Each structure stands twice: as structure tokens, then as C-alpha cells.
Amino acid sequence: MQDQDPTLGAEVKADVELVENSADRTATVQDAAQDTAGIDTLPSLAEQLRAAELKAAEHHDAWLRAKAETENVRRRAQEDIIKAGKFAADKFAQSMLPVKDSLEAALATENATLETLREGVELTLKQLVSAFTSANITEVNPVGEKFDPNKHQAISALEADGEPNTVITVLQKGYLLNERTMRPALVVVSKAKTTA
């Protein structure tokens, strides 16, 4: 072993030190990269708390806005209901004004004959029927129809030919508003004849 060249041993020793230094530097760089990556991916507890507080404040603000909007919608709906109740009859009242005007004009006429009064009353009745039609009010005159307790009110029953429980006389017409009974028709219905 003494035959070895001293320069060769020094070169090998220098190469070994160079490799060891390079490995140490690589390990140091890798450790630093891991530390930096850990910091970037895992925020501190204070940062996490701050982010959670901001998120909670954002949700709380959204909730307050939604609550305020709901209250506004509810208030507007109540106002609309009140207005609808107050002014529900407006359209019908507008259509009734000409009827009133016609009746007043008929009463104001001093030299009216029976014929002109009759013509005026017929015209007024047409105006009234038109007002009822525009308000979806329909007349119930059920002569010859089967008795319907939802639309008719029987005052009496008389023995008659034909099917029992048929309307034979209408004492007072009934009226429906959008298919709902406003006033039932007062009627006399038939009943089966009794055999003696």
C-alpha cells in the first residue's frame, strides 16, 4: 500500500468530500423546501380562525339580508291584501254608475208617459245585466231543473206529475258569483202524489 501515489489519494479524498458536501446541500435544500411547502399548505391557527370569522360574518350578513327581504315581501303582501279588500268592488261600482244615472234621469223627467218610463226601465235593466255579466254574476232561474240544495232553497213542496224534487215554481231568482252561490233561488219543488 505504500506504493500508492500520494496525489491520487488526495484526489479521491477531495472527490469524496465533494460528494458529501453536495449531499448535505441537497438534503438542506429539500428540508427547506418541505418547510416552505408545509407553511404554504398549512396556515397557522390564527389565519384559520380569521378565515372562519370572515366566512361566518359573510353568512350572517347574507342571513340578515334574506330576513329583511322576507319581511319586505310579507309587508307588501299585507298591503296588497288590504288594498284588494278596499278596492275589490271598484270595477263593479264603475259599471253600476250608469245604472244609477239612468234611474235618476227617469225620476227627473216631469212629463214622462208610461211608455217612456217602461223604455227607460228596460234600458236600465240592460245596463244592470251588462254590469252583472262583467262582474261574473250569473242568474239562477231553475224552473224544470232538479232541485240542488247548493243553489236552491225550497220554500214548499207540492204534489205534481213528473219526477219528484223538480223545481216547479221560482219565487225569487238566485245569483252566483264565479260559480259560488251569492243568493239561492227560492223555489217550490214537486213531490210524488200520494195514492188514496
N, C-alpha and C. Protein backbone atom coordinates (compact mmCIF):
# COMPACT_ATOMS: atom_id res chain seq x y z
N MET A 1 0.82 -1.16 0.00
CA MET A 1 0.00 0.00 0.00
C MET A 1 0.87 1.23 0.00
N GLN A 2 2.06 1.06 0.27
CA GLN A 2 2.94 2.20 0.26
C GLN A 2 3.31 2.58 -1.14
N ASP A 3 2.97 1.76 -2.11
CA ASP A 3 3.29 2.04 -3.49
C ASP A 3 2.33 3.06 -4.08
N GLN A 4 1.30 3.42 -3.38
CA GLN A 4 0.27 4.33 -3.94
C GLN A 4 0.83 5.72 -4.08
N ASP A 5 0.33 6.33 -5.10
CA ASP A 5 0.72 7.73 -5.38
C ASP A 5 -0.02 8.62 -4.41
N PRO A 6 0.72 9.51 -3.67
CA PRO A 6 0.06 10.34 -2.68
C PRO A 6 -0.90 11.32 -3.33
N THR A 7 -0.69 11.73 -4.51
CA THR A 7 -1.59 12.67 -5.17
C THR A 7 -2.91 12.01 -5.51
N LEU A 8 -2.85 10.75 -5.84
CA LEU A 8 -4.06 10.03 -6.18
C LEU A 8 -4.96 9.91 -4.95
N GLY A 9 -4.41 9.68 -3.82
CA GLY A 9 -5.19 9.58 -2.59
C GLY A 9 -5.83 10.90 -2.23
N ALA A 10 -5.14 11.96 -2.49
CA ALA A 10 -5.66 13.28 -2.19
C ALA A 10 -6.82 13.62 -3.11
N GLU A 11 -6.73 13.20 -4.37
CA GLU A 11 -7.81 13.46 -5.32
C GLU A 11 -9.06 12.69 -4.93
N VAL A 12 -8.89 11.47 -4.54
CA VAL A 12 -10.02 10.62 -4.14
C VAL A 12 -10.65 11.21 -2.90
N LYS A 13 -9.79 11.65 -1.97
CA LYS A 13 -10.31 12.23 -0.75
C LYS A 13 -11.10 13.50 -1.06
N ALA A 14 -10.63 14.32 -1.99
CA ALA A 14 -11.32 15.55 -2.38
C ALA A 14 -12.65 15.23 -3.05
N ASP A 15 -12.66 14.19 -3.89
CA ASP A 15 -13.92 13.79 -4.56
C ASP A 15 -14.94 13.30 -3.54
N VAL A 16 -14.50 12.57 -2.53
CA VAL A 16 -15.41 12.06 -1.51
C VAL A 16 -16.00 13.22 -0.73
N GLU A 17 -15.14 14.21 -0.38
CA GLU A 17 -15.64 15.37 0.35
C GLU A 17 -16.63 16.17 -0.50
N LEU A 18 -16.35 16.27 -1.79
CA LEU A 18 -17.25 16.99 -2.71
C LEU A 18 -18.62 16.32 -2.77
N VAL A 19 -18.64 15.03 -2.86
CA VAL A 19 -19.91 14.27 -2.91
C VAL A 19 -20.65 14.43 -1.59
N GLU A 20 -19.93 14.35 -0.46
CA GLU A 20 -20.58 14.50 0.84
C GLU A 20 -21.16 15.90 1.00
N ASN A 21 -20.41 16.93 0.61
CA ASN A 21 -20.90 18.31 0.68
C ASN A 21 -22.13 18.50 -0.21
N SER A 22 -22.08 17.92 -1.39
CA SER A 22 -23.22 18.02 -2.32
C SER A 22 -24.46 17.34 -1.74
N ALA A 23 -24.27 16.22 -1.11
CA ALA A 23 -25.39 15.50 -0.49
C ALA A 23 -25.96 16.30 0.66
N ASP A 24 -25.06 16.93 1.46
CA ASP A 24 -25.53 17.75 2.57
C ASP A 24 -26.35 18.94 2.06
N ARG A 25 -25.84 19.57 0.99
CA ARG A 25 -26.57 20.71 0.43
C ARG A 25 -27.93 20.29 -0.12
N THR A 26 -27.97 19.16 -0.79
CA THR A 26 -29.24 18.66 -1.34
C THR A 26 -30.22 18.38 -0.22
N ALA A 27 -29.77 17.79 0.85
CA ALA A 27 -30.64 17.50 1.99
C ALA A 27 -31.13 18.78 2.62
N THR A 28 -30.24 19.77 2.74
CA THR A 28 -30.63 21.06 3.32
C THR A 28 -31.68 21.74 2.46
N VAL A 29 -31.47 21.72 1.14
CA VAL A 29 -32.44 22.33 0.21
C VAL A 29 -33.77 21.60 0.29
N GLN A 30 -33.76 20.27 0.35
CA GLN A 30 -35.00 19.50 0.44
C GLN A 30 -35.73 19.80 1.75
N ASP A 31 -35.00 19.89 2.86
CA ASP A 31 -35.62 20.21 4.14
C ASP A 31 -36.26 21.60 4.10
N ALA A 32 -35.54 22.54 3.51
CA ALA A 32 -36.08 23.91 3.40
C ALA A 32 -37.33 23.92 2.53
N ALA A 33 -37.33 23.17 1.43
CA ALA A 33 -38.48 23.11 0.54
C ALA A 33 -39.68 22.49 1.26
N GLN A 34 -39.41 21.45 2.04
CA GLN A 34 -40.50 20.83 2.79
C GLN A 34 -41.05 21.79 3.83
N ASP A 35 -40.19 22.52 4.50
CA ASP A 35 -40.64 23.51 5.49
C ASP A 35 -41.47 24.59 4.82
N THR A 36 -41.04 25.08 3.68
CA THR A 36 -41.76 26.12 2.95
C THR A 36 -43.09 25.57 2.45
N ALA A 37 -43.10 24.36 1.91
CA ALA A 37 -44.34 23.76 1.42
C ALA A 37 -45.31 23.56 2.57
N GLY A 38 -44.82 23.16 3.70
CA GLY A 38 -45.68 22.97 4.87
C GLY A 38 -46.31 24.27 5.31
N ILE A 39 -45.56 25.35 5.23
CA ILE A 39 -46.08 26.66 5.62
C ILE A 39 -47.14 27.11 4.64
N ASP A 40 -46.90 26.88 3.35
CA ASP A 40 -47.86 27.31 2.33
C ASP A 40 -49.15 26.52 2.40
N THR A 41 -49.10 25.24 2.65
CA THR A 41 -50.30 24.42 2.63
C THR A 41 -51.03 24.39 3.97
N LEU A 42 -50.36 24.60 5.05
CA LEU A 42 -51.00 24.58 6.36
C LEU A 42 -50.89 25.95 7.01
N PRO A 43 -51.96 26.77 6.89
CA PRO A 43 -51.90 28.09 7.52
C PRO A 43 -51.93 27.95 9.03
N SER A 44 -51.51 28.97 9.69
CA SER A 44 -51.47 28.94 11.14
C SER A 44 -52.89 28.96 11.70
N LEU A 45 -53.01 28.63 12.96
CA LEU A 45 -54.32 28.61 13.61
C LEU A 45 -54.97 29.99 13.59
N ALA A 46 -54.18 31.02 13.76
CA ALA A 46 -54.72 32.39 13.74
C ALA A 46 -55.30 32.73 12.37
N GLU A 47 -54.60 32.30 11.32
CA GLU A 47 -55.11 32.55 9.96
C GLU A 47 -56.39 31.76 9.71
N GLN A 48 -56.43 30.53 10.17
CA GLN A 48 -57.63 29.71 10.02
C GLN A 48 -58.80 30.32 10.77
N LEU A 49 -58.55 30.80 11.98
CA LEU A 49 -59.60 31.43 12.78
C LEU A 49 -60.12 32.69 12.08
N ARG A 50 -59.22 33.50 11.57
CA ARG A 50 -59.60 34.73 10.87
C ARG A 50 -60.45 34.41 9.63
N ALA A 51 -60.06 33.38 8.88
CA ALA A 51 -60.82 32.98 7.70
C ALA A 51 -62.21 32.49 8.09
N ALA A 52 -62.29 31.73 9.18
CA ALA A 52 -63.59 31.23 9.65
C ALA A 52 -64.48 32.38 10.12
N GLU A 53 -63.86 33.37 10.81
CA GLU A 53 -64.64 34.53 11.27
C GLU A 53 -65.18 35.33 10.08
N LEU A 54 -64.36 35.51 9.04
CA LEU A 54 -64.81 36.23 7.84
C LEU A 54 -65.96 35.48 7.16
N LYS A 55 -65.84 34.17 7.08
CA LYS A 55 -66.89 33.35 6.47
C LYS A 55 -68.18 33.44 7.29
N ALA A 56 -68.05 33.39 8.61
CA ALA A 56 -69.23 33.50 9.48
C ALA A 56 -69.88 34.87 9.34
N ALA A 57 -69.08 35.92 9.26
CA ALA A 57 -69.63 37.28 9.08
C ALA A 57 -70.34 37.39 7.74
N GLU A 58 -69.78 36.77 6.72
CA GLU A 58 -70.40 36.79 5.39
C GLU A 58 -71.76 36.08 5.42
N HIS A 59 -71.81 34.92 6.06
CA HIS A 59 -73.07 34.17 6.17
C HIS A 59 -74.09 34.93 7.01
N HIS A 60 -73.64 35.56 8.07
CA HIS A 60 -74.54 36.33 8.92
C HIS A 60 -75.14 37.51 8.14
N ASP A 61 -74.31 38.18 7.36
CA ASP A 61 -74.79 39.30 6.53
C ASP A 61 -75.81 38.81 5.51
N ALA A 62 -75.53 37.67 4.86
CA ALA A 62 -76.48 37.12 3.89
C ALA A 62 -77.80 36.75 4.56
N TRP A 63 -77.71 36.19 5.77
CA TRP A 63 -78.93 35.83 6.51
C TRP A 63 -79.75 37.07 6.86
N LEU A 64 -79.07 38.14 7.33
CA LEU A 64 -79.79 39.38 7.64
C LEU A 64 -80.47 39.96 6.42
N ARG A 65 -79.80 39.93 5.28
CA ARG A 65 -80.40 40.44 4.04
C ARG A 65 -81.61 39.61 3.63
N ALA A 66 -81.50 38.30 3.74
CA ALA A 66 -82.63 37.42 3.39
C ALA A 66 -83.81 37.65 4.33
N LYS A 67 -83.51 37.83 5.62
CA LYS A 67 -84.57 38.10 6.60
C LYS A 67 -85.26 39.41 6.29
N ALA A 68 -84.49 40.45 5.96
CA ALA A 68 -85.07 41.75 5.62
C ALA A 68 -85.92 41.66 4.36
N GLU A 69 -85.45 40.92 3.38
CA GLU A 69 -86.22 40.76 2.13
C GLU A 69 -87.53 40.02 2.40
N THR A 70 -87.49 39.00 3.24
CA THR A 70 -88.70 38.26 3.60
C THR A 70 -89.70 39.18 4.30
N GLU A 71 -89.21 40.00 5.21
CA GLU A 71 -90.09 40.95 5.90
C GLU A 71 -90.72 41.93 4.92
N ASN A 72 -89.93 42.40 3.96
CA ASN A 72 -90.46 43.34 2.95
C ASN A 72 -91.54 42.68 2.10
N VAL A 73 -91.31 41.44 1.70
CA VAL A 73 -92.30 40.72 0.89
C VAL A 73 -93.58 40.52 1.69
N ARG A 74 -93.45 40.14 2.97
CA ARG A 74 -94.62 39.92 3.82
C ARG A 74 -95.40 41.23 3.99
N ARG A 75 -94.69 42.33 4.23
CA ARG A 75 -95.34 43.63 4.41
C ARG A 75 -96.07 44.06 3.13
N ARG A 76 -95.39 43.88 1.99
CA ARG A 76 -96.04 44.25 0.71
C ARG A 76 -97.27 43.39 0.46
N ALA A 77 -97.20 42.12 0.79
CA ALA A 77 -98.36 41.23 0.60
C ALA A 77 -99.52 41.67 1.48
N GLN A 78 -99.24 42.04 2.72
CA GLN A 78 -100.31 42.52 3.60
C GLN A 78 -100.92 43.81 3.06
N GLU A 79 -100.09 44.71 2.54
CA GLU A 79 -100.62 45.96 1.96
C GLU A 79 -101.49 45.66 0.75
N ASP A 80 -101.06 44.69 -0.08
CA ASP A 80 -101.84 44.31 -1.26
C ASP A 80 -103.19 43.72 -0.86
N ILE A 81 -103.20 42.93 0.21
CA ILE A 81 -104.46 42.33 0.68
C ILE A 81 -105.40 43.43 1.17
N ILE A 82 -104.86 44.39 1.91
CA ILE A 82 -105.69 45.50 2.40
C ILE A 82 -106.25 46.30 1.23
N LYS A 83 -105.40 46.60 0.24
CA LYS A 83 -105.86 47.35 -0.93
C LYS A 83 -106.90 46.56 -1.71
N ALA A 84 -106.68 45.26 -1.86
CA ALA A 84 -107.64 44.42 -2.59
C ALA A 84 -108.99 44.42 -1.88
N GLY A 85 -108.98 44.37 -0.55
CA GLY A 85 -110.23 44.42 0.20
C GLY A 85 -110.95 45.74 0.05
N LYS A 86 -110.18 46.83 0.08
CA LYS A 86 -110.78 48.16 -0.04
C LYS A 86 -111.35 48.42 -1.42
N PHE A 87 -110.63 47.97 -2.45
CA PHE A 87 -110.99 48.35 -3.81
C PHE A 87 -111.49 47.18 -4.65
N ALA A 88 -111.90 46.09 -4.00
CA ALA A 88 -112.37 44.92 -4.74
C ALA A 88 -113.61 45.23 -5.56
N ALA A 89 -114.48 46.07 -5.06
CA ALA A 89 -115.73 46.37 -5.74
C ALA A 89 -115.61 47.53 -6.73
N ASP A 90 -114.40 48.02 -6.95
CA ASP A 90 -114.22 49.19 -7.80
C ASP A 90 -114.76 48.97 -9.21
N LYS A 91 -114.39 47.87 -9.85
CA LYS A 91 -114.84 47.60 -11.22
C LYS A 91 -116.36 47.49 -11.27
N PHE A 92 -116.92 46.75 -10.31
CA PHE A 92 -118.36 46.59 -10.29
C PHE A 92 -119.05 47.93 -10.02
N ALA A 93 -118.51 48.71 -9.11
CA ALA A 93 -119.09 50.01 -8.81
C ALA A 93 -119.05 50.92 -10.04
N GLN A 94 -117.96 50.86 -10.80
CA GLN A 94 -117.86 51.65 -12.02
C GLN A 94 -118.96 51.26 -13.02
N SER A 95 -119.26 49.97 -13.11
CA SER A 95 -120.30 49.53 -14.06
C SER A 95 -121.71 49.83 -13.54
N MET A 96 -121.83 50.07 -12.23
CA MET A 96 -123.16 50.39 -11.66
C MET A 96 -123.50 51.88 -11.78
N LEU A 97 -122.52 52.73 -11.97
CA LEU A 97 -122.78 54.17 -12.07
C LEU A 97 -123.74 54.53 -13.20
N PRO A 98 -123.62 53.96 -14.41
CA PRO A 98 -124.61 54.28 -15.45
C PRO A 98 -126.03 53.84 -15.08
N VAL A 99 -126.14 52.76 -14.34
CA VAL A 99 -127.47 52.30 -13.90
C VAL A 99 -128.10 53.35 -12.99
N LYS A 100 -127.33 53.84 -12.06
CA LYS A 100 -127.82 54.88 -11.15
C LYS A 100 -128.18 56.15 -11.93
N ASP A 101 -127.32 56.53 -12.88
CA ASP A 101 -127.60 57.72 -13.69
C ASP A 101 -128.92 57.57 -14.45
N SER A 102 -129.17 56.40 -15.00
CA SER A 102 -130.41 56.15 -15.75
C SER A 102 -131.63 56.25 -14.84
N LEU A 103 -131.53 55.69 -13.64
CA LEU A 103 -132.65 55.75 -12.70
C LEU A 103 -132.93 57.20 -12.29
N GLU A 104 -131.89 57.95 -12.02
CA GLU A 104 -132.07 59.37 -11.65
C GLU A 104 -132.67 60.17 -12.81
N ALA A 105 -132.23 59.88 -14.04
CA ALA A 105 -132.79 60.58 -15.20
C ALA A 105 -134.26 60.26 -15.37
N ALA A 106 -134.65 59.02 -15.12
CA ALA A 106 -136.06 58.64 -15.23
C ALA A 106 -136.90 59.37 -14.20
N LEU A 107 -136.38 59.50 -13.00
CA LEU A 107 -137.13 60.20 -11.95
C LEU A 107 -137.17 61.70 -12.18
N ALA A 108 -136.19 62.25 -12.87
CA ALA A 108 -136.13 63.69 -13.10
C ALA A 108 -137.07 64.14 -14.23
N THR A 109 -137.50 63.20 -15.06
CA THR A 109 -138.39 63.53 -16.18
C THR A 109 -139.77 63.86 -15.62
N GLU A 110 -140.26 65.07 -15.96
CA GLU A 110 -141.55 65.52 -15.40
C GLU A 110 -142.75 65.03 -16.20
N ASN A 111 -142.68 65.06 -17.49
CA ASN A 111 -143.83 64.70 -18.32
C ASN A 111 -143.63 63.33 -18.95
N ALA A 112 -143.22 62.37 -18.17
CA ALA A 112 -142.97 61.04 -18.70
C ALA A 112 -144.27 60.27 -18.83
N THR A 113 -144.39 59.58 -19.94
CA THR A 113 -145.56 58.71 -20.13
C THR A 113 -145.19 57.33 -19.62
N LEU A 114 -146.19 56.51 -19.52
CA LEU A 114 -145.97 55.14 -19.07
C LEU A 114 -145.04 54.41 -20.04
N GLU A 115 -145.20 54.68 -21.31
CA GLU A 115 -144.38 54.03 -22.33
C GLU A 115 -142.92 54.46 -22.24
N THR A 116 -142.65 55.74 -22.06
CA THR A 116 -141.26 56.20 -21.95
C THR A 116 -140.61 55.70 -20.65
N LEU A 117 -141.40 55.64 -19.59
CA LEU A 117 -140.86 55.09 -18.33
C LEU A 117 -140.50 53.61 -18.52
N ARG A 118 -141.36 52.87 -19.21
CA ARG A 118 -141.09 51.45 -19.45
C ARG A 118 -139.81 51.29 -20.28
N GLU A 119 -139.65 52.08 -21.31
CA GLU A 119 -138.46 52.01 -22.14
C GLU A 119 -137.21 52.34 -21.31
N GLY A 120 -137.33 53.34 -20.46
CA GLY A 120 -136.21 53.71 -19.60
C GLY A 120 -135.83 52.61 -18.63
N VAL A 121 -136.85 51.96 -18.05
CA VAL A 121 -136.60 50.86 -17.11
C VAL A 121 -135.96 49.67 -17.85
N GLU A 122 -136.42 49.39 -19.08
CA GLU A 122 -135.83 48.28 -19.85
C GLU A 122 -134.36 48.58 -20.17
N LEU A 123 -134.07 49.83 -20.55
CA LEU A 123 -132.68 50.22 -20.82
C LEU A 123 -131.83 50.10 -19.55
N THR A 124 -132.37 50.51 -18.43
CA THR A 124 -131.65 50.42 -17.15
C THR A 124 -131.40 48.96 -16.78
N LEU A 125 -132.39 48.09 -17.03
CA LEU A 125 -132.22 46.67 -16.76
C LEU A 125 -131.11 46.07 -17.63
N LYS A 126 -131.04 46.48 -18.90
CA LYS A 126 -129.97 46.01 -19.78
C LYS A 126 -128.60 46.44 -19.24
N GLN A 127 -128.52 47.67 -18.74
CA GLN A 127 -127.26 48.14 -18.16
C GLN A 127 -126.88 47.32 -16.93
N LEU A 128 -127.88 47.00 -16.13
CA LEU A 128 -127.64 46.21 -14.93
C LEU A 128 -127.18 44.79 -15.28
N VAL A 129 -127.82 44.18 -16.27
CA VAL A 129 -127.42 42.84 -16.71
C VAL A 129 -125.99 42.87 -17.25
N SER A 130 -125.66 43.93 -17.99
CA SER A 130 -124.30 44.06 -18.51
C SER A 130 -123.29 44.19 -17.37
N ALA A 131 -123.64 44.96 -16.35
CA ALA A 131 -122.76 45.10 -15.18
C ALA A 131 -122.58 43.76 -14.47
N PHE A 132 -123.66 43.00 -14.33
CA PHE A 132 -123.58 41.68 -13.70
C PHE A 132 -122.68 40.75 -14.52
N THR A 133 -122.83 40.78 -15.84
CA THR A 133 -122.03 39.92 -16.70
C THR A 133 -120.55 40.25 -16.58
N SER A 134 -120.22 41.53 -16.56
CA SER A 134 -118.80 41.91 -16.45
C SER A 134 -118.22 41.53 -15.09
N ALA A 135 -119.06 41.40 -14.07
CA ALA A 135 -118.60 41.00 -12.73
C ALA A 135 -118.72 39.50 -12.50
N ASN A 136 -119.05 38.73 -13.55
CA ASN A 136 -119.22 37.27 -13.46
C ASN A 136 -120.33 36.86 -12.50
N ILE A 137 -121.40 37.67 -12.48
CA ILE A 137 -122.58 37.32 -11.69
C ILE A 137 -123.59 36.72 -12.66
N THR A 138 -124.03 35.51 -12.35
CA THR A 138 -125.00 34.83 -13.22
C THR A 138 -126.29 34.59 -12.47
N GLU A 139 -127.36 34.63 -13.23
CA GLU A 139 -128.71 34.47 -12.67
C GLU A 139 -129.06 32.99 -12.62
N VAL A 140 -129.75 32.59 -11.55
CA VAL A 140 -130.22 31.21 -11.40
C VAL A 140 -131.74 31.23 -11.44
N ASN A 141 -132.30 30.69 -12.53
CA ASN A 141 -133.75 30.59 -12.69
C ASN A 141 -134.05 29.13 -13.06
N PRO A 142 -134.17 28.25 -12.07
CA PRO A 142 -134.13 26.80 -12.30
C PRO A 142 -135.46 26.11 -12.58
N VAL A 143 -136.41 26.76 -13.22
CA VAL A 143 -137.70 26.11 -13.48
C VAL A 143 -137.46 24.86 -14.32
N GLY A 144 -138.01 23.72 -13.88
CA GLY A 144 -137.90 22.46 -14.60
C GLY A 144 -136.62 21.69 -14.28
N GLU A 145 -135.73 22.26 -13.52
CA GLU A 145 -134.48 21.58 -13.18
C GLU A 145 -134.65 20.75 -11.90
N LYS A 146 -133.74 19.82 -11.72
CA LYS A 146 -133.70 19.01 -10.49
C LYS A 146 -133.28 19.93 -9.34
N PHE A 147 -133.90 19.78 -8.18
CA PHE A 147 -133.59 20.60 -7.01
C PHE A 147 -132.14 20.39 -6.59
N ASP A 148 -131.40 21.48 -6.39
CA ASP A 148 -129.99 21.45 -5.95
C ASP A 148 -129.89 22.27 -4.67
N PRO A 149 -129.71 21.63 -3.52
CA PRO A 149 -129.67 22.39 -2.26
C PRO A 149 -128.51 23.38 -2.17
N ASN A 150 -127.50 23.25 -3.04
CA ASN A 150 -126.39 24.20 -3.05
C ASN A 150 -126.76 25.51 -3.74
N LYS A 151 -127.77 25.46 -4.63
CA LYS A 151 -128.15 26.65 -5.39
C LYS A 151 -129.60 27.07 -5.17
N HIS A 152 -130.39 26.21 -4.57
CA HIS A 152 -131.82 26.48 -4.40
C HIS A 152 -132.21 26.35 -2.94
N GLN A 153 -133.25 27.10 -2.57
CA GLN A 153 -133.83 26.96 -1.24
C GLN A 153 -135.31 26.67 -1.42
N ALA A 154 -135.72 25.48 -1.00
CA ALA A 154 -137.12 25.07 -1.17
C ALA A 154 -137.97 25.70 -0.08
N ILE A 155 -139.04 26.39 -0.53
CA ILE A 155 -139.97 27.02 0.40
C ILE A 155 -141.10 26.03 0.73
N SER A 156 -141.53 25.28 -0.29
CA SER A 156 -142.58 24.28 -0.06
C SER A 156 -142.47 23.21 -1.13
N ALA A 157 -143.25 22.16 -0.92
CA ALA A 157 -143.30 21.06 -1.88
C ALA A 157 -144.77 20.78 -2.19
N LEU A 158 -145.06 20.67 -3.46
CA LEU A 158 -146.43 20.41 -3.91
C LEU A 158 -146.47 19.10 -4.69
N GLU A 159 -147.60 18.40 -4.55
CA GLU A 159 -147.77 17.19 -5.34
C GLU A 159 -147.92 17.60 -6.80
N ALA A 160 -147.17 16.92 -7.66
CA ALA A 160 -147.24 17.23 -9.08
C ALA A 160 -146.87 16.00 -9.89
N ASP A 161 -147.31 16.01 -11.15
CA ASP A 161 -146.92 14.93 -12.06
C ASP A 161 -145.44 15.11 -12.40
N GLY A 162 -144.84 14.04 -12.79
CA GLY A 162 -143.42 14.10 -13.17
C GLY A 162 -142.52 13.63 -12.04
N GLU A 163 -141.26 13.86 -12.24
CA GLU A 163 -140.26 13.39 -11.28
C GLU A 163 -140.28 14.23 -10.00
N PRO A 164 -140.23 13.58 -8.83
CA PRO A 164 -140.18 14.33 -7.57
C PRO A 164 -138.87 15.14 -7.46
N ASN A 165 -138.91 16.15 -6.62
CA ASN A 165 -137.77 17.04 -6.38
C ASN A 165 -137.35 17.83 -7.62
N THR A 166 -138.33 18.20 -8.42
CA THR A 166 -138.09 19.06 -9.56
C THR A 166 -138.66 20.43 -9.23
N VAL A 167 -137.96 21.48 -9.63
CA VAL A 167 -138.42 22.85 -9.36
C VAL A 167 -139.61 23.14 -10.28
N ILE A 168 -140.75 23.47 -9.65
CA ILE A 168 -141.93 23.79 -10.47
C ILE A 168 -142.23 25.28 -10.50
N THR A 169 -141.81 26.02 -9.50
CA THR A 169 -142.03 27.47 -9.47
C THR A 169 -140.82 28.15 -8.82
N VAL A 170 -140.42 29.30 -9.40
CA VAL A 170 -139.35 30.10 -8.82
C VAL A 170 -139.99 31.36 -8.24
N LEU A 171 -139.90 31.52 -6.93
CA LEU A 171 -140.45 32.69 -6.27
C LEU A 171 -139.48 33.87 -6.32
N GLN A 172 -138.19 33.58 -6.28
CA GLN A 172 -137.17 34.62 -6.35
C GLN A 172 -135.92 34.01 -6.98
N LYS A 173 -135.40 34.66 -8.01
CA LYS A 173 -134.21 34.15 -8.69
C LYS A 173 -133.01 34.17 -7.74
N GLY A 174 -132.09 33.25 -8.01
CA GLY A 174 -130.84 33.21 -7.25
C GLY A 174 -129.71 33.77 -8.10
N TYR A 175 -128.56 33.98 -7.48
CA TYR A 175 -127.40 34.52 -8.20
C TYR A 175 -126.13 33.83 -7.75
N LEU A 176 -125.24 33.62 -8.74
CA LEU A 176 -123.94 33.02 -8.49
C LEU A 176 -122.85 34.04 -8.83
N LEU A 177 -121.82 34.09 -8.03
CA LEU A 177 -120.65 34.91 -8.32
C LEU A 177 -119.48 33.96 -8.56
N ASN A 178 -119.03 33.90 -9.81
CA ASN A 178 -117.95 32.96 -10.18
C ASN A 178 -118.27 31.54 -9.71
N GLU A 179 -119.47 31.12 -10.01
CA GLU A 179 -119.97 29.76 -9.70
C GLU A 179 -120.18 29.51 -8.20
N ARG A 180 -120.06 30.51 -7.38
CA ARG A 180 -120.36 30.37 -5.95
C ARG A 180 -121.68 31.05 -5.66
N THR A 181 -122.53 30.40 -4.89
CA THR A 181 -123.86 30.93 -4.63
C THR A 181 -123.79 32.19 -3.78
N MET A 182 -124.32 33.28 -4.35
CA MET A 182 -124.45 34.53 -3.59
C MET A 182 -125.78 34.52 -2.85
N ARG A 183 -126.82 34.11 -3.60
CA ARG A 183 -128.15 34.03 -3.03
C ARG A 183 -128.85 32.85 -3.69
N PRO A 184 -129.36 31.90 -2.90
CA PRO A 184 -130.05 30.76 -3.51
C PRO A 184 -131.41 31.20 -4.05
N ALA A 185 -131.84 30.50 -5.08
CA ALA A 185 -133.16 30.76 -5.64
C ALA A 185 -134.21 30.19 -4.69
N LEU A 186 -135.28 30.97 -4.41
CA LEU A 186 -136.38 30.47 -3.59
C LEU A 186 -137.34 29.75 -4.51
N VAL A 187 -137.58 28.48 -4.23
CA VAL A 187 -138.32 27.65 -5.18
C VAL A 187 -139.39 26.80 -4.47
N VAL A 188 -140.32 26.35 -5.30
CA VAL A 188 -141.31 25.36 -4.89
C VAL A 188 -140.96 24.10 -5.67
N VAL A 189 -140.87 22.97 -4.97
CA VAL A 189 -140.48 21.72 -5.63
C VAL A 189 -141.65 20.76 -5.66
N SER A 190 -141.54 19.79 -6.56
CA SER A 190 -142.61 18.79 -6.70
C SER A 190 -142.32 17.63 -5.77
N LYS A 191 -143.41 16.98 -5.37
CA LYS A 191 -143.27 15.74 -4.63
C LYS A 191 -144.23 14.73 -5.23
N ALA A 192 -143.98 13.48 -4.97
CA ALA A 192 -144.80 12.43 -5.56
C ALA A 192 -146.22 12.49 -5.00
N LYS A 193 -147.17 12.21 -5.86
CA LYS A 193 -148.57 12.22 -5.44
C LYS A 193 -148.80 11.03 -4.52
N THR A 194 -149.60 11.27 -3.51
CA THR A 194 -149.93 10.17 -2.62
C THR A 194 -151.12 9.43 -3.17
N THR A 195 -151.11 8.15 -3.03
CA THR A 195 -152.21 7.33 -3.52
C THR A 195 -153.22 7.15 -2.38
N ALA A 196 -154.47 7.33 -2.74
CA ALA A 196 -155.52 7.25 -1.73
C ALA A 196 -156.03 5.86 -1.54
